[in-house]
Amino acid sequence: MDSSPRMIEVKAFSRSARSEPLPLEDRQVTAAKENPERYYVYVVDNLAGLDGAEVGVRVLHGEMLLAMIKRSRPQITYWPTFKAAEYDQAERLG
């Protein structure tokens, strides 16, 4: 059987992702809408291992992912990234 390659996006959460917003960029939403059966979002949660919770992975794609996107409201989000020197020079409290 020949199948098309998956397009995979990974989202990580320190705690459970249950009932949490899932940040998707415009290009990711476009890709999911254009290829709903090939576009997958892997949600990795409980990375911090708080309260003894195990790390888990949930897989979203197809109709479920499209329904989640449909009921969301688009927002513009900026995710500035620290350069190492900026991080080192930033004021530290405590």
Protein backbone atom coordinates (compact mmCIF):
# COMPACT_ATOMS: atom_id res chain seq x y z
CA MET A 1 0.00 0.00 0.00
CA ASP A 2 1.34 3.40 -0.97
CA SER A 3 0.43 6.32 1.28
CA SER A 4 1.30 9.99 1.14
CA PRO A 5 3.81 11.26 3.68
CA ARG A 6 2.46 12.90 6.80
CA MET A 7 2.96 16.55 7.57
CA ILE A 8 3.56 16.60 11.33
CA GLU A 9 3.49 19.49 13.78
CA VAL A 10 4.50 18.83 17.40
CA LYS A 11 3.15 20.91 20.28
CA ALA A 12 4.58 20.38 23.77
CA PHE A 13 3.02 21.22 27.13
CA SER A 14 4.67 21.07 30.55
CA ARG A 15 1.34 19.99 32.06
CA SER A 16 -1.73 18.34 30.63
CA ALA A 17 -2.98 19.87 27.39
CA ARG A 18 -6.55 18.87 28.31
CA SER A 19 -8.84 21.91 27.85
CA GLU A 20 -5.86 24.10 26.95
CA PRO A 21 -5.62 26.26 23.83
CA LEU A 22 -3.50 24.77 21.07
CA PRO A 23 -1.40 27.46 19.36
CA LEU A 24 -1.35 27.05 15.59
CA GLU A 25 0.18 29.53 13.17
CA ASP A 26 -1.73 30.66 10.10
CA ARG A 27 0.45 28.53 7.82
CA GLN A 28 -0.28 25.47 9.96
CA VAL A 29 -4.03 26.07 9.80
CA THR A 30 -3.80 26.51 6.02
CA ALA A 31 -1.87 23.25 5.67
CA ALA A 32 -4.40 21.40 7.85
CA LYS A 33 -7.31 22.72 5.77
CA GLU A 34 -5.62 21.93 2.46
CA ASN A 35 -4.52 18.40 3.46
CA PRO A 36 -6.72 17.26 6.37
CA GLU A 37 -5.87 13.58 5.95
CA ARG A 38 -2.11 14.19 5.71
CA TYR A 39 -1.70 16.94 8.33
CA TYR A 40 -1.15 15.73 11.90
CA VAL A 41 -0.65 17.58 15.16
CA TYR A 42 1.09 15.54 17.85
CA VAL A 43 0.36 16.98 21.28
CA VAL A 44 2.97 15.97 23.87
CA ASP A 45 1.90 16.74 27.41
CA ASN A 46 3.03 16.41 31.01
CA LEU A 47 6.68 17.02 30.11
CA ALA A 48 7.36 18.49 33.54
CA GLY A 49 6.14 15.29 35.18
CA LEU A 50 4.25 17.21 37.84
CA ASP A 51 2.09 15.25 40.28
CA GLY A 52 3.48 11.99 38.92
CA ALA A 53 1.71 12.44 35.59
CA GLU A 54 3.21 10.46 32.73
CA VAL A 55 4.26 12.03 29.46
CA GLY A 56 1.63 11.35 26.84
CA VAL A 57 1.08 11.97 23.15
CA ARG A 58 -2.29 12.72 21.54
CA VAL A 59 -2.70 12.72 17.77
CA LEU A 60 -5.01 15.18 16.04
CA HIS A 61 -5.83 15.12 12.34
CA GLY A 62 -8.65 14.96 9.83
CA GLU A 63 -12.18 15.90 10.88
CA MET A 64 -11.33 16.30 14.57
CA LEU A 65 -8.59 18.84 13.87
CA LEU A 66 -10.74 20.68 11.32
CA ALA A 67 -13.59 20.94 13.85
CA MET A 68 -11.20 22.36 16.46
CA ILE A 69 -9.92 24.92 13.95
CA LYS A 70 -13.43 25.86 12.86
CA ARG A 71 -14.54 26.73 16.38
CA SER A 72 -11.45 28.83 17.10
CA ARG A 73 -11.00 32.54 16.55
CA PRO A 74 -7.86 33.67 14.68
CA GLN A 75 -5.37 35.74 16.67
CA ILE A 76 -1.98 37.16 15.84
CA THR A 77 0.64 35.93 18.26
CA TYR A 78 4.25 37.03 18.51
CA TRP A 79 6.73 34.57 19.98
CA PRO A 80 9.97 36.53 20.31
CA THR A 81 12.99 34.38 20.99
CA PHE A 82 15.83 35.28 23.34
CA LYS A 83 19.24 35.35 21.78
CA ALA A 84 21.72 33.83 24.23
CA ALA A 85 23.38 37.20 24.90
CA GLU A 86 20.00 38.88 25.48
CA TYR A 87 19.00 36.17 27.93
CA ASP A 88 22.29 36.52 29.80
CA GLN A 89 21.96 40.34 29.96
CA ALA A 90 18.29 40.49 30.97
CA GLU A 91 17.58 41.67 34.52
CA ARG A 92 17.12 38.77 36.89
CA LEU A 93 14.94 39.03 39.96
CA GLY A 94 15.86 37.31 43.18
